[in-house]
Amino acid sequence: AYALVSGLTELNALWAERGWPSLRVRVGLHTDQVLVGNVGCDERINYTALGDGVNVAARLESLGKVYGVTVSVSDAVVQKTHEDFLFNHLDAVVVKGKTKATEVYELVCPRAVATPSQLALHQCFARAYELMHTTK
């Protein structure tokens, strides 16, 4: 997802030089067991993914618009990749079709390429989230 967004940023810069409109995307990342494959009959077949994990990823993608982020990530992904990537904790949201809140994060960047300003902003973001959710 990070490579997609980085590549799109470069592509949009090239397109802007040519006077072309930019392309924007949002991505929702979640990890779960899903069913993936061809579904249908001989007359109409579709390669698709089915399952709760697909629905959660789709809800995360939609939440990106609400939070103004490009890549929204679930806690399940953060738990598996937090050593390699920086994430900003955005919120805990009960997405449609669920009863338990899903922790929502923004993908910032791979830790290996994080700039000092990104690291500082990440620390400020973490502290702000902590303060926002501390009850007295």
N, C-alpha and C. Protein backbone atom coordinates (compact mmCIF):
# COMPACT_ATOMS: atom_id res chain seq x y z
N ALA A 1 0.83 -1.19 0.00
CA ALA A 1 0.00 0.00 0.00
C ALA A 1 0.87 1.25 0.00
N TYR A 2 1.97 1.21 0.77
CA TYR A 2 2.86 2.37 0.80
C TYR A 2 3.50 2.60 -0.56
N ALA A 3 3.93 1.52 -1.21
CA ALA A 3 4.53 1.64 -2.55
C ALA A 3 3.51 2.18 -3.55
N LEU A 4 2.26 1.75 -3.44
CA LEU A 4 1.20 2.25 -4.31
C LEU A 4 1.04 3.75 -4.15
N VAL A 5 0.95 4.21 -2.93
CA VAL A 5 0.74 5.64 -2.66
C VAL A 5 1.96 6.44 -3.11
N SER A 6 3.16 5.94 -2.83
CA SER A 6 4.38 6.64 -3.24
C SER A 6 4.46 6.74 -4.76
N GLY A 7 4.17 5.63 -5.44
CA GLY A 7 4.18 5.65 -6.90
C GLY A 7 3.15 6.57 -7.48
N LEU A 8 1.99 6.62 -6.85
CA LEU A 8 0.91 7.50 -7.32
C LEU A 8 1.29 8.96 -7.13
N THR A 9 2.00 9.27 -6.07
CA THR A 9 2.47 10.64 -5.85
C THR A 9 3.40 11.08 -6.98
N GLU A 10 4.31 10.19 -7.35
CA GLU A 10 5.23 10.49 -8.46
C GLU A 10 4.47 10.62 -9.78
N LEU A 11 3.52 9.73 -10.01
CA LEU A 11 2.73 9.77 -11.24
C LEU A 11 1.92 11.07 -11.32
N ASN A 12 1.32 11.47 -10.22
CA ASN A 12 0.53 12.70 -10.20
C ASN A 12 1.40 13.92 -10.47
N ALA A 13 2.64 13.91 -9.99
CA ALA A 13 3.55 15.03 -10.27
C ALA A 13 3.84 15.10 -11.77
N LEU A 14 4.06 13.97 -12.38
CA LEU A 14 4.29 13.91 -13.83
C LEU A 14 3.06 14.39 -14.59
N TRP A 15 1.90 13.93 -14.18
CA TRP A 15 0.66 14.32 -14.84
C TRP A 15 0.40 15.82 -14.68
N ALA A 16 0.73 16.37 -13.50
CA ALA A 16 0.53 17.81 -13.27
C ALA A 16 1.37 18.63 -14.24
N GLU A 17 2.60 18.17 -14.51
CA GLU A 17 3.46 18.86 -15.47
C GLU A 17 2.82 18.90 -16.86
N ARG A 18 2.04 17.89 -17.16
CA ARG A 18 1.39 17.79 -18.47
C ARG A 18 0.00 18.42 -18.47
N GLY A 19 -0.42 18.92 -17.32
CA GLY A 19 -1.73 19.53 -17.23
C GLY A 19 -2.87 18.53 -17.10
N TRP A 20 -2.54 17.31 -16.74
CA TRP A 20 -3.56 16.27 -16.59
C TRP A 20 -4.10 16.26 -15.16
N PRO A 21 -5.31 15.77 -14.96
CA PRO A 21 -5.87 15.70 -13.60
C PRO A 21 -5.16 14.62 -12.78
N SER A 22 -5.15 14.84 -11.47
CA SER A 22 -4.52 13.86 -10.58
C SER A 22 -5.47 12.71 -10.28
N LEU A 23 -4.89 11.64 -9.82
CA LEU A 23 -5.64 10.45 -9.43
C LEU A 23 -5.46 10.25 -7.94
N ARG A 24 -6.57 10.03 -7.23
CA ARG A 24 -6.51 9.78 -5.80
C ARG A 24 -7.11 8.43 -5.49
N VAL A 25 -6.54 7.76 -4.51
CA VAL A 25 -7.05 6.46 -4.07
C VAL A 25 -7.09 6.45 -2.54
N ARG A 26 -7.88 5.54 -2.02
CA ARG A 26 -7.87 5.21 -0.61
C ARG A 26 -7.77 3.70 -0.51
N VAL A 27 -7.08 3.24 0.53
CA VAL A 27 -6.86 1.81 0.72
C VAL A 27 -7.26 1.44 2.14
N GLY A 28 -7.94 0.31 2.29
CA GLY A 28 -8.26 -0.25 3.60
C GLY A 28 -7.54 -1.58 3.74
N LEU A 29 -6.73 -1.73 4.79
CA LEU A 29 -5.97 -2.96 5.00
C LEU A 29 -6.42 -3.67 6.26
N HIS A 30 -6.75 -4.94 6.11
CA HIS A 30 -7.13 -5.79 7.23
C HIS A 30 -6.62 -7.19 6.91
N THR A 31 -6.33 -7.96 7.93
CA THR A 31 -5.91 -9.33 7.70
C THR A 31 -6.88 -10.27 8.41
N ASP A 32 -7.29 -11.30 7.68
CA ASP A 32 -8.27 -12.27 8.20
C ASP A 32 -8.35 -13.41 7.20
N GLN A 33 -8.99 -14.48 7.58
CA GLN A 33 -9.21 -15.56 6.63
C GLN A 33 -10.40 -15.21 5.75
N VAL A 34 -10.22 -15.36 4.44
CA VAL A 34 -11.28 -15.08 3.48
C VAL A 34 -11.29 -16.18 2.43
N LEU A 35 -12.35 -16.22 1.67
CA LEU A 35 -12.47 -17.14 0.56
C LEU A 35 -12.20 -16.37 -0.72
N VAL A 36 -11.22 -16.83 -1.50
CA VAL A 36 -10.84 -16.14 -2.73
C VAL A 36 -10.88 -17.13 -3.88
N GLY A 37 -11.48 -16.72 -5.01
CA GLY A 37 -11.49 -17.58 -6.17
C GLY A 37 -12.57 -17.20 -7.16
N ASN A 38 -12.74 -18.06 -8.15
CA ASN A 38 -13.75 -17.86 -9.17
C ASN A 38 -15.11 -18.26 -8.63
N VAL A 39 -16.07 -17.37 -8.79
CA VAL A 39 -17.43 -17.62 -8.32
C VAL A 39 -18.37 -17.39 -9.50
N GLY A 40 -19.31 -18.29 -9.69
CA GLY A 40 -20.28 -18.11 -10.76
C GLY A 40 -20.46 -19.37 -11.57
N CYS A 41 -20.95 -19.19 -12.79
CA CYS A 41 -21.20 -20.31 -13.69
C CYS A 41 -20.50 -20.03 -15.02
N ASP A 42 -20.64 -20.93 -15.97
CA ASP A 42 -19.95 -20.79 -17.25
C ASP A 42 -20.31 -19.49 -17.97
N GLU A 43 -21.55 -19.06 -17.87
CA GLU A 43 -21.98 -17.85 -18.56
C GLU A 43 -21.49 -16.56 -17.89
N ARG A 44 -21.31 -16.63 -16.61
CA ARG A 44 -20.88 -15.43 -15.88
C ARG A 44 -20.03 -15.87 -14.69
N ILE A 45 -18.74 -15.60 -14.78
CA ILE A 45 -17.83 -15.98 -13.71
C ILE A 45 -17.07 -14.75 -13.25
N ASN A 46 -16.77 -14.70 -11.98
CA ASN A 46 -16.12 -13.53 -11.41
C ASN A 46 -15.08 -13.99 -10.39
N TYR A 47 -13.88 -13.45 -10.47
CA TYR A 47 -12.86 -13.71 -9.46
C TYR A 47 -13.10 -12.72 -8.33
N THR A 48 -13.29 -13.22 -7.12
CA THR A 48 -13.67 -12.35 -6.02
C THR A 48 -13.12 -12.85 -4.70
N ALA A 49 -13.26 -12.03 -3.68
CA ALA A 49 -12.91 -12.39 -2.32
C ALA A 49 -14.17 -12.21 -1.47
N LEU A 50 -14.43 -13.18 -0.61
CA LEU A 50 -15.63 -13.16 0.23
C LEU A 50 -15.24 -13.38 1.68
N GLY A 51 -15.98 -12.76 2.58
CA GLY A 51 -15.76 -13.01 3.99
C GLY A 51 -15.75 -11.74 4.81
N ASP A 52 -15.79 -11.92 6.11
CA ASP A 52 -15.83 -10.81 7.05
C ASP A 52 -14.60 -9.90 6.89
N GLY A 53 -13.45 -10.49 6.64
CA GLY A 53 -12.23 -9.70 6.47
C GLY A 53 -12.30 -8.74 5.30
N VAL A 54 -12.96 -9.16 4.23
CA VAL A 54 -13.13 -8.29 3.06
C VAL A 54 -14.03 -7.12 3.42
N ASN A 55 -15.08 -7.39 4.16
CA ASN A 55 -16.00 -6.33 4.57
C ASN A 55 -15.31 -5.32 5.49
N VAL A 56 -14.49 -5.79 6.42
CA VAL A 56 -13.78 -4.89 7.32
C VAL A 56 -12.83 -4.00 6.52
N ALA A 57 -12.09 -4.59 5.58
CA ALA A 57 -11.16 -3.81 4.74
C ALA A 57 -11.92 -2.73 3.96
N ALA A 58 -13.08 -3.09 3.44
CA ALA A 58 -13.89 -2.12 2.69
C ALA A 58 -14.36 -0.98 3.59
N ARG A 59 -14.74 -1.31 4.82
CA ARG A 59 -15.18 -0.27 5.77
C ARG A 59 -14.01 0.64 6.14
N LEU A 60 -12.83 0.05 6.28
CA LEU A 60 -11.64 0.84 6.59
C LEU A 60 -11.33 1.82 5.45
N GLU A 61 -11.47 1.34 4.23
CA GLU A 61 -11.23 2.21 3.07
C GLU A 61 -12.18 3.40 3.11
N SER A 62 -13.44 3.16 3.41
CA SER A 62 -14.43 4.24 3.50
C SER A 62 -14.10 5.21 4.63
N LEU A 63 -13.59 4.69 5.74
CA LEU A 63 -13.24 5.56 6.87
C LEU A 63 -12.08 6.49 6.53
N GLY A 64 -11.28 6.12 5.55
CA GLY A 64 -10.19 6.99 5.13
C GLY A 64 -10.69 8.36 4.73
N LYS A 65 -11.85 8.42 4.12
CA LYS A 65 -12.43 9.71 3.72
C LYS A 65 -12.80 10.53 4.95
N VAL A 66 -13.36 9.86 5.95
CA VAL A 66 -13.77 10.54 7.18
C VAL A 66 -12.56 11.14 7.90
N TYR A 67 -11.46 10.38 7.95
CA TYR A 67 -10.28 10.82 8.70
C TYR A 67 -9.26 11.55 7.82
N GLY A 68 -9.51 11.63 6.54
CA GLY A 68 -8.61 12.34 5.65
C GLY A 68 -7.27 11.65 5.44
N VAL A 69 -7.29 10.31 5.42
CA VAL A 69 -6.06 9.55 5.22
C VAL A 69 -6.18 8.68 3.98
N THR A 70 -5.05 8.32 3.42
CA THR A 70 -5.04 7.50 2.21
C THR A 70 -5.10 6.02 2.52
N VAL A 71 -4.35 5.58 3.54
CA VAL A 71 -4.31 4.16 3.88
C VAL A 71 -4.77 3.98 5.32
N SER A 72 -5.94 3.34 5.49
CA SER A 72 -6.49 3.02 6.81
C SER A 72 -6.21 1.56 7.10
N VAL A 73 -5.79 1.29 8.33
CA VAL A 73 -5.31 -0.04 8.67
C VAL A 73 -5.97 -0.51 9.97
N SER A 74 -6.27 -1.80 10.04
CA SER A 74 -6.85 -2.36 11.26
C SER A 74 -5.75 -2.74 12.25
N ASP A 75 -6.16 -2.95 13.49
CA ASP A 75 -5.24 -3.38 14.54
C ASP A 75 -4.61 -4.74 14.20
N ALA A 76 -5.35 -5.59 13.49
CA ALA A 76 -4.81 -6.90 13.12
C ALA A 76 -3.56 -6.76 12.25
N VAL A 77 -3.56 -5.78 11.36
CA VAL A 77 -2.40 -5.52 10.50
C VAL A 77 -1.28 -4.88 11.32
N VAL A 78 -1.63 -3.92 12.16
CA VAL A 78 -0.64 -3.23 12.98
C VAL A 78 0.10 -4.22 13.87
N GLN A 79 -0.61 -5.16 14.48
CA GLN A 79 0.02 -6.15 15.35
C GLN A 79 1.07 -6.96 14.61
N LYS A 80 0.85 -7.24 13.35
CA LYS A 80 1.78 -8.07 12.57
C LYS A 80 2.92 -7.27 11.94
N THR A 81 2.77 -5.94 11.81
CA THR A 81 3.75 -5.16 11.04
C THR A 81 4.31 -3.95 11.77
N HIS A 82 3.97 -3.75 13.04
CA HIS A 82 4.37 -2.53 13.75
C HIS A 82 5.88 -2.36 13.85
N GLU A 83 6.63 -3.42 13.77
CA GLU A 83 8.09 -3.29 13.84
C GLU A 83 8.67 -2.71 12.55
N ASP A 84 7.96 -2.85 11.45
CA ASP A 84 8.45 -2.41 10.15
C ASP A 84 7.84 -1.10 9.66
N PHE A 85 6.70 -0.72 10.20
CA PHE A 85 5.99 0.46 9.71
C PHE A 85 5.56 1.36 10.87
N LEU A 86 5.42 2.65 10.57
CA LEU A 86 4.87 3.60 11.52
C LEU A 86 3.37 3.74 11.24
N PHE A 87 2.59 3.73 12.31
CA PHE A 87 1.14 3.90 12.20
C PHE A 87 0.69 4.95 13.20
N ASN A 88 -0.24 5.79 12.80
CA ASN A 88 -0.89 6.72 13.71
C ASN A 88 -2.24 6.15 14.10
N HIS A 89 -2.48 6.03 15.41
CA HIS A 89 -3.75 5.52 15.91
C HIS A 89 -4.81 6.60 15.73
N LEU A 90 -5.85 6.29 14.97
CA LEU A 90 -6.88 7.28 14.68
C LEU A 90 -8.08 7.20 15.61
N ASP A 91 -8.59 5.98 15.81
CA ASP A 91 -9.84 5.86 16.53
C ASP A 91 -10.19 4.39 16.73
N ALA A 92 -11.23 4.15 17.48
CA ALA A 92 -11.84 2.83 17.60
C ALA A 92 -13.27 2.99 17.09
N VAL A 93 -13.62 2.25 16.05
CA VAL A 93 -14.89 2.44 15.37
C VAL A 93 -15.63 1.12 15.25
N VAL A 94 -16.91 1.15 15.53
CA VAL A 94 -17.75 -0.03 15.28
C VAL A 94 -18.22 0.08 13.83
N VAL A 95 -17.63 -0.73 12.96
CA VAL A 95 -17.98 -0.67 11.54
C VAL A 95 -19.27 -1.45 11.30
N LYS A 96 -19.93 -1.11 10.21
CA LYS A 96 -21.20 -1.74 9.86
C LYS A 96 -21.04 -3.26 9.82
N GLY A 97 -21.96 -3.95 10.46
CA GLY A 97 -21.94 -5.40 10.48
C GLY A 97 -21.17 -6.00 11.65
N LYS A 98 -20.58 -5.15 12.50
CA LYS A 98 -19.82 -5.63 13.65
C LYS A 98 -20.43 -5.07 14.93
N THR A 99 -20.15 -5.73 16.04
CA THR A 99 -20.62 -5.23 17.33
C THR A 99 -19.45 -4.74 18.18
N LYS A 100 -18.24 -5.20 17.87
CA LYS A 100 -17.05 -4.80 18.61
C LYS A 100 -16.29 -3.75 17.80
N ALA A 101 -15.72 -2.80 18.50
CA ALA A 101 -14.97 -1.73 17.83
C ALA A 101 -13.71 -2.27 17.16
N THR A 102 -13.40 -1.72 16.01
CA THR A 102 -12.17 -2.00 15.29
C THR A 102 -11.24 -0.81 15.49
N GLU A 103 -10.02 -1.08 15.93
CA GLU A 103 -9.03 -0.02 16.08
C GLU A 103 -8.57 0.38 14.68
N VAL A 104 -8.57 1.68 14.41
CA VAL A 104 -8.24 2.19 13.09
C VAL A 104 -6.95 3.02 13.17
N TYR A 105 -6.05 2.76 12.24
CA TYR A 105 -4.75 3.44 12.18
C TYR A 105 -4.53 4.00 10.78
N GLU A 106 -3.64 4.97 10.72
CA GLU A 106 -3.16 5.48 9.44
C GLU A 106 -1.77 4.93 9.20
N LEU A 107 -1.51 4.40 8.01
CA LEU A 107 -0.16 4.00 7.64
C LEU A 107 0.63 5.26 7.32
N VAL A 108 1.75 5.47 8.02
CA VAL A 108 2.58 6.65 7.81
C VAL A 108 3.66 6.33 6.78
N CYS A 109 4.53 5.36 7.11
CA CYS A 109 5.63 4.99 6.22
C CYS A 109 6.38 3.81 6.81
N PRO A 110 7.25 3.17 6.02
CA PRO A 110 8.14 2.16 6.60
C PRO A 110 9.10 2.83 7.58
N ARG A 111 9.38 2.18 8.69
CA ARG A 111 10.29 2.75 9.69
C ARG A 111 11.66 3.04 9.08
N ALA A 112 12.09 2.20 8.16
CA ALA A 112 13.43 2.33 7.57
C ALA A 112 13.62 3.64 6.80
N VAL A 113 12.55 4.24 6.31
CA VAL A 113 12.67 5.47 5.53
C VAL A 113 12.05 6.68 6.23
N ALA A 114 11.65 6.51 7.49
CA ALA A 114 11.01 7.60 8.23
C ALA A 114 12.00 8.74 8.44
N THR A 115 11.57 9.95 8.14
CA THR A 115 12.39 11.14 8.35
C THR A 115 12.28 11.57 9.82
N PRO A 116 13.23 12.36 10.30
CA PRO A 116 13.12 12.87 11.67
C PRO A 116 11.80 13.61 11.92
N SER A 117 11.33 14.36 10.93
CA SER A 117 10.06 15.08 11.12
C SER A 117 8.88 14.11 11.19
N GLN A 118 8.91 13.03 10.41
CA GLN A 118 7.84 12.03 10.49
C GLN A 118 7.86 11.34 11.86
N LEU A 119 9.04 11.03 12.35
CA LEU A 119 9.15 10.38 13.67
C LEU A 119 8.66 11.31 14.77
N ALA A 120 9.02 12.59 14.69
CA ALA A 120 8.58 13.56 15.69
C ALA A 120 7.06 13.73 15.64
N LEU A 121 6.51 13.85 14.44
CA LEU A 121 5.07 14.00 14.30
C LEU A 121 4.34 12.75 14.81
N HIS A 122 4.92 11.59 14.54
CA HIS A 122 4.34 10.33 15.01
C HIS A 122 4.28 10.32 16.54
N GLN A 123 5.34 10.76 17.19
CA GLN A 123 5.36 10.82 18.66
C GLN A 123 4.32 11.81 19.18
N CYS A 124 4.20 12.94 18.53
CA CYS A 124 3.18 13.93 18.93
C CYS A 124 1.78 13.36 18.74
N PHE A 125 1.58 12.67 17.65
CA PHE A 125 0.27 12.08 17.36
C PHE A 125 -0.08 11.04 18.42
N ALA A 126 0.90 10.20 18.78
CA ALA A 126 0.67 9.17 19.80
C ALA A 126 0.33 9.81 21.15
N ARG A 127 1.03 10.86 21.50
CA ARG A 127 0.77 11.54 22.76
C ARG A 127 -0.61 12.20 22.75
N ALA A 128 -0.97 12.81 21.65
CA ALA A 128 -2.29 13.45 21.53
C ALA A 128 -3.40 12.41 21.65
N TYR A 129 -3.22 11.26 21.01
CA TYR A 129 -4.23 10.20 21.09
C TYR A 129 -4.36 9.72 22.53
N GLU A 130 -3.22 9.55 23.19
CA GLU A 130 -3.22 9.11 24.58
C GLU A 130 -3.96 10.10 25.47
N LEU A 131 -3.68 11.38 25.31
CA LEU A 131 -4.34 12.41 26.10
C LEU A 131 -5.84 12.48 25.80
N MET A 132 -6.19 12.30 24.53
CA MET A 132 -7.58 12.37 24.13
C MET A 132 -8.40 11.23 24.76
N HIS A 133 -7.76 10.10 25.01
CA HIS A 133 -8.48 8.95 25.52
C HIS A 133 -8.20 8.65 26.99
N THR A 134 -7.55 9.59 27.67
CA THR A 134 -7.31 9.44 29.10
C THR A 134 -8.49 10.06 29.83
N THR A 135 -9.05 9.29 30.74
CA THR A 135 -10.16 9.82 31.53
C THR A 135 -9.66 10.11 32.94
N LYS A 136 -10.22 11.14 33.50
CA LYS A 136 -9.82 11.50 34.88
C LYS A 136 -10.94 11.23 35.83
